[in-house]
Amino acid sequence: MHSCLSLLKRNILFRTVKYMAKKNPSYKEAIAEIEEILREIENEETDVDHLAEKVKRAYSLLKLCREKLYKTEKEIDNIMKEMRDEE
């Protein structure tokens, strides 16, 4: 019983860590996951029962990528402005 409970706790911890990593992946990880989702959908590997979930995840990742690109663009603009102001 004790080992079963320990295994369950470890499983929950692993899933939590995995979820947190998936929640805010790097730009490169997000693009890779989007590509994987698209490949699965195009190859009809995604079960209809999970299709909406996959599309929702891809949409979420696309939003994340857009936000990262926008933030990076603003940072670069600010750096360029500082450089011009120093001249």
PDB file of N, CA and C in Angstrom:
ATOM      1  N   MET A   1       0.828  -1.199   0.000  1.00  0.00           N
ATOM      2  CA  MET A   1       0.000   0.000   0.000  1.00  0.00           C
ATOM      3  C   MET A   1       0.870   1.259   0.000  1.00  0.00           C
ATOM      4  N   HIS A   2       1.915   1.249   0.843  1.00  0.00           N
ATOM      5  CA  HIS A   2       2.794   2.411   0.939  1.00  0.00           C
ATOM      6  C   HIS A   2       3.500   2.673  -0.386  1.00  0.00           C
ATOM      7  N   SER A   3       4.017   1.628  -1.022  1.00  0.00           N
ATOM      8  CA  SER A   3       4.725   1.807  -2.293  1.00  0.00           C
ATOM      9  C   SER A   3       3.776   2.262  -3.396  1.00  0.00           C
ATOM     10  N   CYS A   4       2.554   1.802  -3.335  1.00  0.00           N
ATOM     11  CA  CYS A   4       1.551   2.222  -4.330  1.00  0.00           C
ATOM     12  C   CYS A   4       1.261   3.717  -4.173  1.00  0.00           C
ATOM     13  N   LEU A   5       1.140   4.165  -2.938  1.00  0.00           N
ATOM     14  CA  LEU A   5       0.890   5.575  -2.651  1.00  0.00           C
ATOM     15  C   LEU A   5       2.089   6.421  -3.081  1.00  0.00           C
ATOM     16  N   SER A   6       3.284   5.930  -2.819  1.00  0.00           N
ATOM     17  CA  SER A   6       4.508   6.620  -3.214  1.00  0.00           C
ATOM     18  C   SER A   6       4.588   6.742  -4.733  1.00  0.00           C
ATOM     19  N   LEU A   7       4.255   5.677  -5.425  1.00  0.00           N
ATOM     20  CA  LEU A   7       4.259   5.679  -6.882  1.00  0.00           C
ATOM     21  C   LEU A   7       3.238   6.677  -7.425  1.00  0.00           C
ATOM     22  N   LEU A   8       2.092   6.727  -6.807  1.00  0.00           N
ATOM     23  CA  LEU A   8       1.039   7.666  -7.209  1.00  0.00           C
ATOM     24  C   LEU A   8       1.511   9.104  -7.017  1.00  0.00           C
ATOM     25  N   LYS A   9       2.146   9.388  -5.877  1.00  0.00           N
ATOM     26  CA  LYS A   9       2.661  10.732  -5.623  1.00  0.00           C
ATOM     27  C   LYS A   9       3.711  11.122  -6.650  1.00  0.00           C
ATOM     28  N   ARG A  10       4.610  10.186  -6.967  1.00  0.00           N
ATOM     29  CA  ARG A  10       5.642  10.444  -7.970  1.00  0.00           C
ATOM     30  C   ARG A  10       5.023  10.725  -9.336  1.00  0.00           C
ATOM     31  N   ASN A  11       3.993   9.968  -9.674  1.00  0.00           N
ATOM     32  CA  ASN A  11       3.299  10.143 -10.947  1.00  0.00           C
ATOM     33  C   ASN A  11       2.636  11.519 -11.011  1.00  0.00           C
ATOM     34  N   ILE A  12       2.012  11.931  -9.934  1.00  0.00           N
ATOM     35  CA  ILE A  12       1.357  13.244  -9.885  1.00  0.00           C
ATOM     36  C   ILE A  12       2.395  14.352 -10.011  1.00  0.00           C
ATOM     37  N   LEU A  13       3.509  14.207  -9.306  1.00  0.00           N
ATOM     38  CA  LEU A  13       4.572  15.196  -9.374  1.00  0.00           C
ATOM     39  C   LEU A  13       5.127  15.286 -10.796  1.00  0.00           C
ATOM     40  N   PHE A  14       5.374  14.144 -11.427  1.00  0.00           N
ATOM     41  CA  PHE A  14       5.885  14.110 -12.795  1.00  0.00           C
ATOM     42  C   PHE A  14       4.919  14.807 -13.740  1.00  0.00           C
ATOM     43  N   ARG A  15       3.638  14.520 -13.610  1.00  0.00           N
ATOM     44  CA  ARG A  15       2.641  15.146 -14.494  1.00  0.00           C
ATOM     45  C   ARG A  15       2.568  16.646 -14.270  1.00  0.00           C
ATOM     46  N   THR A  16       2.703  17.081 -13.019  1.00  0.00           N
ATOM     47  CA  THR A  16       2.667  18.511 -12.714  1.00  0.00           C
ATOM     48  C   THR A  16       3.845  19.218 -13.350  1.00  0.00           C
ATOM     49  N   VAL A  17       5.035  18.645 -13.203  1.00  0.00           N
ATOM     50  CA  VAL A  17       6.233  19.232 -13.805  1.00  0.00           C
ATOM     51  C   VAL A  17       6.104  19.258 -15.321  1.00  0.00           C
ATOM     52  N   LYS A  18       5.622  18.170 -15.892  1.00  0.00           N
ATOM     53  CA  LYS A  18       5.433  18.091 -17.344  1.00  0.00           C
ATOM     54  C   LYS A  18       4.417  19.138 -17.809  1.00  0.00           C
ATOM     55  N   TYR A  19       3.323  19.306 -17.049  1.00  0.00           N
ATOM     56  CA  TYR A  19       2.299  20.295 -17.400  1.00  0.00           C
ATOM     57  C   TYR A  19       2.882  21.708 -17.352  1.00  0.00           C
ATOM     58  N   MET A  20       3.664  22.001 -16.306  1.00  0.00           N
ATOM     59  CA  MET A  20       4.227  23.337 -16.178  1.00  0.00           C
ATOM     60  C   MET A  20       5.203  23.616 -17.328  1.00  0.00           C
ATOM     61  N   ALA A  21       5.957  22.614 -17.732  1.00  0.00           N
ATOM     62  CA  ALA A  21       6.876  22.788 -18.850  1.00  0.00           C
ATOM     63  C   ALA A  21       6.107  23.027 -20.145  1.00  0.00           C
ATOM     64  N   LYS A  22       4.990  22.345 -20.315  1.00  0.00           N
ATOM     65  CA  LYS A  22       4.188  22.516 -21.521  1.00  0.00           C
ATOM     66  C   LYS A  22       3.454  23.847 -21.510  1.00  0.00           C
ATOM     67  N   LYS A  23       3.168  24.357 -20.321  1.00  0.00           N
ATOM     68  CA  LYS A  23       2.382  25.577 -20.205  1.00  0.00           C
ATOM     69  C   LYS A  23       3.116  26.778 -20.796  1.00  0.00           C
ATOM     70  N   ASN A  24       4.433  26.854 -20.601  1.00  0.00           N
ATOM     71  CA  ASN A  24       5.191  27.982 -21.110  1.00  0.00           C
ATOM     72  C   ASN A  24       6.486  27.507 -21.774  1.00  0.00           C
ATOM     73  N   PRO A  25       6.348  26.850 -22.917  1.00  0.00           N
ATOM     74  CA  PRO A  25       7.552  26.351 -23.604  1.00  0.00           C
ATOM     75  C   PRO A  25       8.308  27.494 -24.269  1.00  0.00           C
ATOM     76  N   SER A  26       9.541  27.218 -24.629  1.00  0.00           N
ATOM     77  CA  SER A  26      10.312  28.199 -25.397  1.00  0.00           C
ATOM     78  C   SER A  26       9.672  28.322 -26.787  1.00  0.00           C
ATOM     79  N   TYR A  27      10.094  29.352 -27.512  1.00  0.00           N
ATOM     80  CA  TYR A  27       9.575  29.555 -28.868  1.00  0.00           C
ATOM     81  C   TYR A  27       9.861  28.326 -29.727  1.00  0.00           C
ATOM     82  N   LYS A  28      11.092  27.837 -29.641  1.00  0.00           N
ATOM     83  CA  LYS A  28      11.506  26.678 -30.439  1.00  0.00           C
ATOM     84  C   LYS A  28      10.683  25.435 -30.073  1.00  0.00           C
ATOM     85  N   GLU A  29      10.441  25.219 -28.781  1.00  0.00           N
ATOM     86  CA  GLU A  29       9.640  24.072 -28.338  1.00  0.00           C
ATOM     87  C   GLU A  29       8.192  24.199 -28.812  1.00  0.00           C
ATOM     88  N   ALA A  30       7.667  25.418 -28.749  1.00  0.00           N
ATOM     89  CA  ALA A  30       6.290  25.653 -29.189  1.00  0.00           C
ATOM     90  C   ALA A  30       6.127  25.370 -30.677  1.00  0.00           C
ATOM     91  N   ILE A  31       7.074  25.854 -31.481  1.00  0.00           N
ATOM     92  CA  ILE A  31       7.026  25.614 -32.926  1.00  0.00           C
ATOM     93  C   ILE A  31       7.100  24.117 -33.210  1.00  0.00           C
ATOM     94  N   ALA A  32       7.995  23.429 -32.504  1.00  0.00           N
ATOM     95  CA  ALA A  32       8.138  21.979 -32.702  1.00  0.00           C
ATOM     96  C   ALA A  32       6.845  21.249 -32.346  1.00  0.00           C
ATOM     97  N   GLU A  33       6.197  21.674 -31.273  1.00  0.00           N
ATOM     98  CA  GLU A  33       4.940  21.022 -30.878  1.00  0.00           C
ATOM     99  C   GLU A  33       3.832  21.320 -31.887  1.00  0.00           C
ATOM    100  N   ILE A  34       3.783  22.547 -32.383  1.00  0.00           N
ATOM    101  CA  ILE A  34       2.784  22.901 -33.404  1.00  0.00           C
ATOM    102  C   ILE A  34       2.999  22.027 -34.642  1.00  0.00           C
ATOM    103  N   GLU A  35       4.242  21.898 -35.055  1.00  0.00           N
ATOM    104  CA  GLU A  35       4.547  21.070 -36.229  1.00  0.00           C
ATOM    105  C   GLU A  35       4.151  19.618 -36.001  1.00  0.00           C
ATOM    106  N   GLU A  36       4.382  19.119 -34.796  1.00  0.00           N
ATOM    107  CA  GLU A  36       3.996  17.743 -34.468  1.00  0.00           C
ATOM    108  C   GLU A  36       2.476  17.573 -34.509  1.00  0.00           C
ATOM    109  N   ILE A  37       1.747  18.535 -33.971  1.00  0.00           N
ATOM    110  CA  ILE A  37       0.285  18.485 -33.995  1.00  0.00           C
ATOM    111  C   ILE A  37      -0.209  18.495 -35.437  1.00  0.00           C
ATOM    112  N   LEU A  38       0.347  19.379 -36.252  1.00  0.00           N
ATOM    113  CA  LEU A  38      -0.054  19.449 -37.661  1.00  0.00           C
ATOM    114  C   LEU A  38       0.235  18.138 -38.384  1.00  0.00           C
ATOM    115  N   ARG A  39       1.410  17.570 -38.110  1.00  0.00           N
ATOM    116  CA  ARG A  39       1.760  16.297 -38.747  1.00  0.00           C
ATOM    117  C   ARG A  39       0.759  15.213 -38.359  1.00  0.00           C
ATOM    118  N   GLU A  40       0.411  15.150 -37.084  1.00  0.00           N
ATOM    119  CA  GLU A  40      -0.547  14.147 -36.617  1.00  0.00           C
ATOM    120  C   GLU A  40      -1.913  14.332 -37.288  1.00  0.00           C
ATOM    121  N   ILE A  41      -2.341  15.588 -37.408  1.00  0.00           N
ATOM    122  CA  ILE A  41      -3.643  15.863 -38.019  1.00  0.00           C
ATOM    123  C   ILE A  41      -3.611  15.537 -39.514  1.00  0.00           C
ATOM    124  N   GLU A  42      -2.554  15.990 -40.195  1.00  0.00           N
ATOM    125  CA  GLU A  42      -2.439  15.737 -41.635  1.00  0.00           C
ATOM    126  C   GLU A  42      -2.353  14.250 -41.957  1.00  0.00           C
ATOM    127  N   ASN A  43      -1.710  13.483 -41.107  1.00  0.00           N
ATOM    128  CA  ASN A  43      -1.574  12.037 -41.316  1.00  0.00           C
ATOM    129  C   ASN A  43      -2.737  11.244 -40.709  1.00  0.00           C
ATOM    130  N   GLU A  44      -3.737  11.985 -40.258  1.00  0.00           N
ATOM    131  CA  GLU A  44      -4.940  11.388 -39.662  1.00  0.00           C
ATOM    132  C   GLU A  44      -4.607  10.441 -38.508  1.00  0.00           C
ATOM    133  N   GLU A  45      -3.593  10.827 -37.726  1.00  0.00           N
ATOM    134  CA  GLU A  45      -3.197  10.037 -36.559  1.00  0.00           C
ATOM    135  C   GLU A  45      -3.971  10.452 -35.311  1.00  0.00           C
ATOM    136  N   THR A  46      -4.636  11.594 -35.377  1.00  0.00           N
ATOM    137  CA  THR A  46      -5.374  12.112 -34.223  1.00  0.00           C
ATOM    138  C   THR A  46      -6.797  11.586 -34.234  1.00  0.00           C
ATOM    139  N   ASP A  47      -7.157  10.963 -33.142  1.00  0.00           N
ATOM    140  CA  ASP A  47      -8.507  10.455 -32.973  1.00  0.00           C
ATOM    141  C   ASP A  47      -9.479  11.635 -32.916  1.00  0.00           C
ATOM    142  N   VAL A  48     -10.634  11.476 -33.498  1.00  0.00           N
ATOM    143  CA  VAL A  48     -11.640  12.539 -33.524  1.00  0.00           C
ATOM    144  C   VAL A  48     -11.964  13.021 -32.109  1.00  0.00           C
ATOM    145  N   ASP A  49     -11.920  12.111 -31.153  1.00  0.00           N
ATOM    146  CA  ASP A  49     -12.220  12.475 -29.761  1.00  0.00           C
ATOM    147  C   ASP A  49     -11.200  13.459 -29.193  1.00  0.00           C
ATOM    148  N   HIS A  50      -9.991  13.512 -29.777  1.00  0.00           N
ATOM    149  CA  HIS A  50      -8.939  14.384 -29.267  1.00  0.00           C
ATOM    150  C   HIS A  50      -8.603  15.527 -30.220  1.00  0.00           C
ATOM    151  N   LEU A  51      -9.300  15.585 -31.342  1.00  0.00           N
ATOM    152  CA  LEU A  51      -8.990  16.579 -32.370  1.00  0.00           C
ATOM    153  C   LEU A  51      -9.162  18.008 -31.855  1.00  0.00           C
ATOM    154  N   ALA A  52     -10.278  18.287 -31.216  1.00  0.00           N
ATOM    155  CA  ALA A  52     -10.522  19.645 -30.707  1.00  0.00           C
ATOM    156  C   ALA A  52      -9.470  20.029 -29.675  1.00  0.00           C
ATOM    157  N   GLU A  53      -9.074  19.078 -28.847  1.00  0.00           N
ATOM    158  CA  GLU A  53      -8.033  19.326 -27.835  1.00  0.00           C
ATOM    159  C   GLU A  53      -6.706  19.684 -28.507  1.00  0.00           C
ATOM    160  N   LYS A  54      -6.347  18.974 -29.571  1.00  0.00           N
ATOM    161  CA  LYS A  54      -5.113  19.235 -30.303  1.00  0.00           C
ATOM    162  C   LYS A  54      -5.151  20.614 -30.973  1.00  0.00           C
ATOM    163  N   VAL A  55      -6.286  20.935 -31.588  1.00  0.00           N
ATOM    164  CA  VAL A  55      -6.421  22.232 -32.262  1.00  0.00           C
ATOM    165  C   VAL A  55      -6.349  23.357 -31.235  1.00  0.00           C
ATOM    166  N   LYS A  56      -6.978  23.161 -30.096  1.00  0.00           N
ATOM    167  CA  LYS A  56      -6.943  24.155 -29.027  1.00  0.00           C
ATOM    168  C   LYS A  56      -5.513  24.361 -28.531  1.00  0.00           C
ATOM    169  N   ARG A  57      -4.752  23.279 -28.372  1.00  0.00           N
ATOM    170  CA  ARG A  57      -3.360  23.375 -27.935  1.00  0.00           C
ATOM    171  C   ARG A  57      -2.528  24.117 -28.986  1.00  0.00           C
ATOM    172  N   ALA A  58      -2.738  23.797 -30.261  1.00  0.00           N
ATOM    173  CA  ALA A  58      -1.998  24.473 -31.332  1.00  0.00           C
ATOM    174  C   ALA A  58      -2.307  25.971 -31.335  1.00  0.00           C
ATOM    175  N   TYR A  59      -3.559  26.326 -31.137  1.00  0.00           N
ATOM    176  CA  TYR A  59      -3.955  27.734 -31.083  1.00  0.00           C
ATOM    177  C   TYR A  59      -3.268  28.433 -29.911  1.00  0.00           C
ATOM    178  N   SER A  60      -3.249  27.779 -28.774  1.00  0.00           N
ATOM    179  CA  SER A  60      -2.601  28.330 -27.589  1.00  0.00           C
ATOM    180  C   SER A  60      -1.103  28.554 -27.835  1.00  0.00           C
ATOM    181  N   LEU A  61      -0.472  27.597 -28.488  1.00  0.00           N
ATOM    182  CA  LEU A  61       0.951  27.722 -28.805  1.00  0.00           C
ATOM    183  C   LEU A  61       1.204  28.840 -29.817  1.00  0.00           C
ATOM    184  N   LEU A  62       0.313  28.978 -30.798  1.00  0.00           N
ATOM    185  CA  LEU A  62       0.448  30.065 -31.772  1.00  0.00           C
ATOM    186  C   LEU A  62       0.358  31.428 -31.092  1.00  0.00           C
ATOM    187  N   LYS A  63      -0.573  31.558 -30.161  1.00  0.00           N
ATOM    188  CA  LYS A  63      -0.698  32.812 -29.407  1.00  0.00           C
ATOM    189  C   LYS A  63       0.581  33.096 -28.627  1.00  0.00           C
ATOM    190  N   LEU A  64       1.118  32.068 -28.004  1.00  0.00           N
ATOM    191  CA  LEU A  64       2.349  32.204 -27.238  1.00  0.00           C
ATOM    192  C   LEU A  64       3.492  32.664 -28.148  1.00  0.00           C
ATOM    193  N   CYS A  65       3.605  32.062 -29.316  1.00  0.00           N
ATOM    194  CA  CYS A  65       4.656  32.441 -30.268  1.00  0.00           C
ATOM    195  C   CYS A  65       4.494  33.885 -30.718  1.00  0.00           C
ATOM    196  N   ARG A  66       3.275  34.289 -31.007  1.00  0.00           N
ATOM    197  CA  ARG A  66       3.028  35.682 -31.407  1.00  0.00           C
ATOM    198  C   ARG A  66       3.451  36.648 -30.310  1.00  0.00           C
ATOM    199  N   GLU A  67       3.103  36.314 -29.061  1.00  0.00           N
ATOM    200  CA  GLU A  67       3.468  37.167 -27.929  1.00  0.00           C
ATOM    201  C   GLU A  67       4.984  37.264 -27.784  1.00  0.00           C
ATOM    202  N   LYS A  68       5.670  36.129 -27.928  1.00  0.00           N
ATOM    203  CA  LYS A  68       7.129  36.129 -27.817  1.00  0.00           C
ATOM    204  C   LYS A  68       7.757  36.949 -28.940  1.00  0.00           C
ATOM    205  N   LEU A  69       7.231  36.824 -30.150  1.00  0.00           N
ATOM    206  CA  LEU A  69       7.752  37.607 -31.272  1.00  0.00           C
ATOM    207  C   LEU A  69       7.516  39.100 -31.059  1.00  0.00           C
ATOM    208  N   TYR A  70       6.329  39.457 -30.585  1.00  0.00           N
ATOM    209  CA  TYR A  70       6.001  40.856 -30.334  1.00  0.00           C
ATOM    210  C   TYR A  70       6.917  41.428 -29.259  1.00  0.00           C
ATOM    211  N   LYS A  71       7.102  40.684 -28.185  1.00  0.00           N
ATOM    212  CA  LYS A  71       7.962  41.139 -27.088  1.00  0.00           C
ATOM    213  C   LYS A  71       9.403  41.309 -27.572  1.00  0.00           C
ATOM    214  N   THR A  72       9.887  40.366 -28.345  1.00  0.00           N
ATOM    215  CA  THR A  72      11.245  40.447 -28.876  1.00  0.00           C
ATOM    216  C   THR A  72      11.395  41.638 -29.803  1.00  0.00           C
ATOM    217  N   GLU A  73      10.399  41.863 -30.649  1.00  0.00           N
ATOM    218  CA  GLU A  73      10.438  43.003 -31.560  1.00  0.00           C
ATOM    219  C   GLU A  73      10.508  44.315 -30.786  1.00  0.00           C
ATOM    220  N   LYS A  74       9.720  44.434 -29.732  1.00  0.00           N
ATOM    221  CA  LYS A  74       9.724  45.654 -28.913  1.00  0.00           C
ATOM    222  C   LYS A  74      11.075  45.843 -28.224  1.00  0.00           C
ATOM    223  N   GLU A  75      11.650  44.760 -27.718  1.00  0.00           N
ATOM    224  CA  GLU A  75      12.962  44.852 -27.075  1.00  0.00           C
ATOM    225  C   GLU A  75      14.023  45.321 -28.066  1.00  0.00           C
ATOM    226  N   ILE A  76      13.987  44.764 -29.273  1.00  0.00           N
ATOM    227  CA  ILE A  76      14.956  45.163 -30.303  1.00  0.00           C
ATOM    228  C   ILE A  76      14.742  46.623 -30.689  1.00  0.00           C
ATOM    229  N   ASP A  77      13.489  47.030 -30.826  1.00  0.00           N
ATOM    230  CA  ASP A  77      13.198  48.436 -31.137  1.00  0.00           C
ATOM    231  C   ASP A  77      13.763  49.360 -30.065  1.00  0.00           C
ATOM    232  N   ASN A  78      13.611  48.976 -28.807  1.00  0.00           N
ATOM    233  CA  ASN A  78      14.129  49.794 -27.708  1.00  0.00           C
ATOM    234  C   ASN A  78      15.658  49.868 -27.736  1.00  0.00           C
ATOM    235  N   ILE A  79      16.293  48.752 -28.025  1.00  0.00           N
ATOM    236  CA  ILE A  79      17.753  48.734 -28.118  1.00  0.00           C
ATOM    237  C   ILE A  79      18.217  49.630 -29.257  1.00  0.00           C
ATOM    238  N   MET A  80      17.557  49.523 -30.395  1.00  0.00           N
ATOM    239  CA  MET A  80      17.926  50.344 -31.550  1.00  0.00           C
ATOM    240  C   MET A  80      17.720  51.830 -31.244  1.00  0.00           C
ATOM    241  N   LYS A  81      16.654  52.144 -30.551  1.00  0.00           N
ATOM    242  CA  LYS A  81      16.383  53.536 -30.176  1.00  0.00           C
ATOM    243  C   LYS A  81      17.481  54.050 -29.255  1.00  0.00           C
ATOM    244  N   GLU A  82      17.868  53.250 -28.273  1.00  0.00           N
ATOM    245  CA  GLU A  82      18.955  53.643 -27.367  1.00  0.00           C
ATOM    246  C   GLU A  82      20.245  53.879 -28.138  1.00  0.00           C
ATOM    247  N   MET A  83      20.528  53.035 -29.080  1.00  0.00           N
ATOM    248  CA  MET A  83      21.751  53.177 -29.880  1.00  0.00           C
ATOM    249  C   MET A  83      21.722  54.479 -30.676  1.00  0.00           C
ATOM    250  N   ARG A  84      20.563  54.798 -31.263  1.00  0.00           N
ATOM    251  CA  ARG A  84      20.447  56.045 -32.027  1.00  0.00           C
ATOM    252  C   ARG A  84      20.574  57.252 -31.123  1.00  0.00           C
ATOM    253  N   ASP A  85      20.000  57.165 -29.914  1.00  0.00           N
ATOM    254  CA  ASP A  85      20.055  58.285 -28.970  1.00  0.00           C
ATOM    255  C   ASP A  85      21.471  58.551 -28.476  1.00  0.00           C
ATOM    256  N   GLU A  86      22.312  57.524 -28.443  1.00  0.00           N
ATOM    257  CA  GLU A  86      23.684  57.674 -27.977  1.00  0.00           C
ATOM    258  C   GLU A  86      24.589  58.297 -29.026  1.00  0.00           C
ATOM    259  N   GLU A  87      24.177  58.295 -30.265  1.00  0.00           N
ATOM    260  CA  GLU A  87      25.020  58.841 -31.351  1.00  0.00           C
ATOM    261  C   GLU A  87      25.034  60.347 -31.344  1.00  0.00           C
TER     262      GLU A  87
END
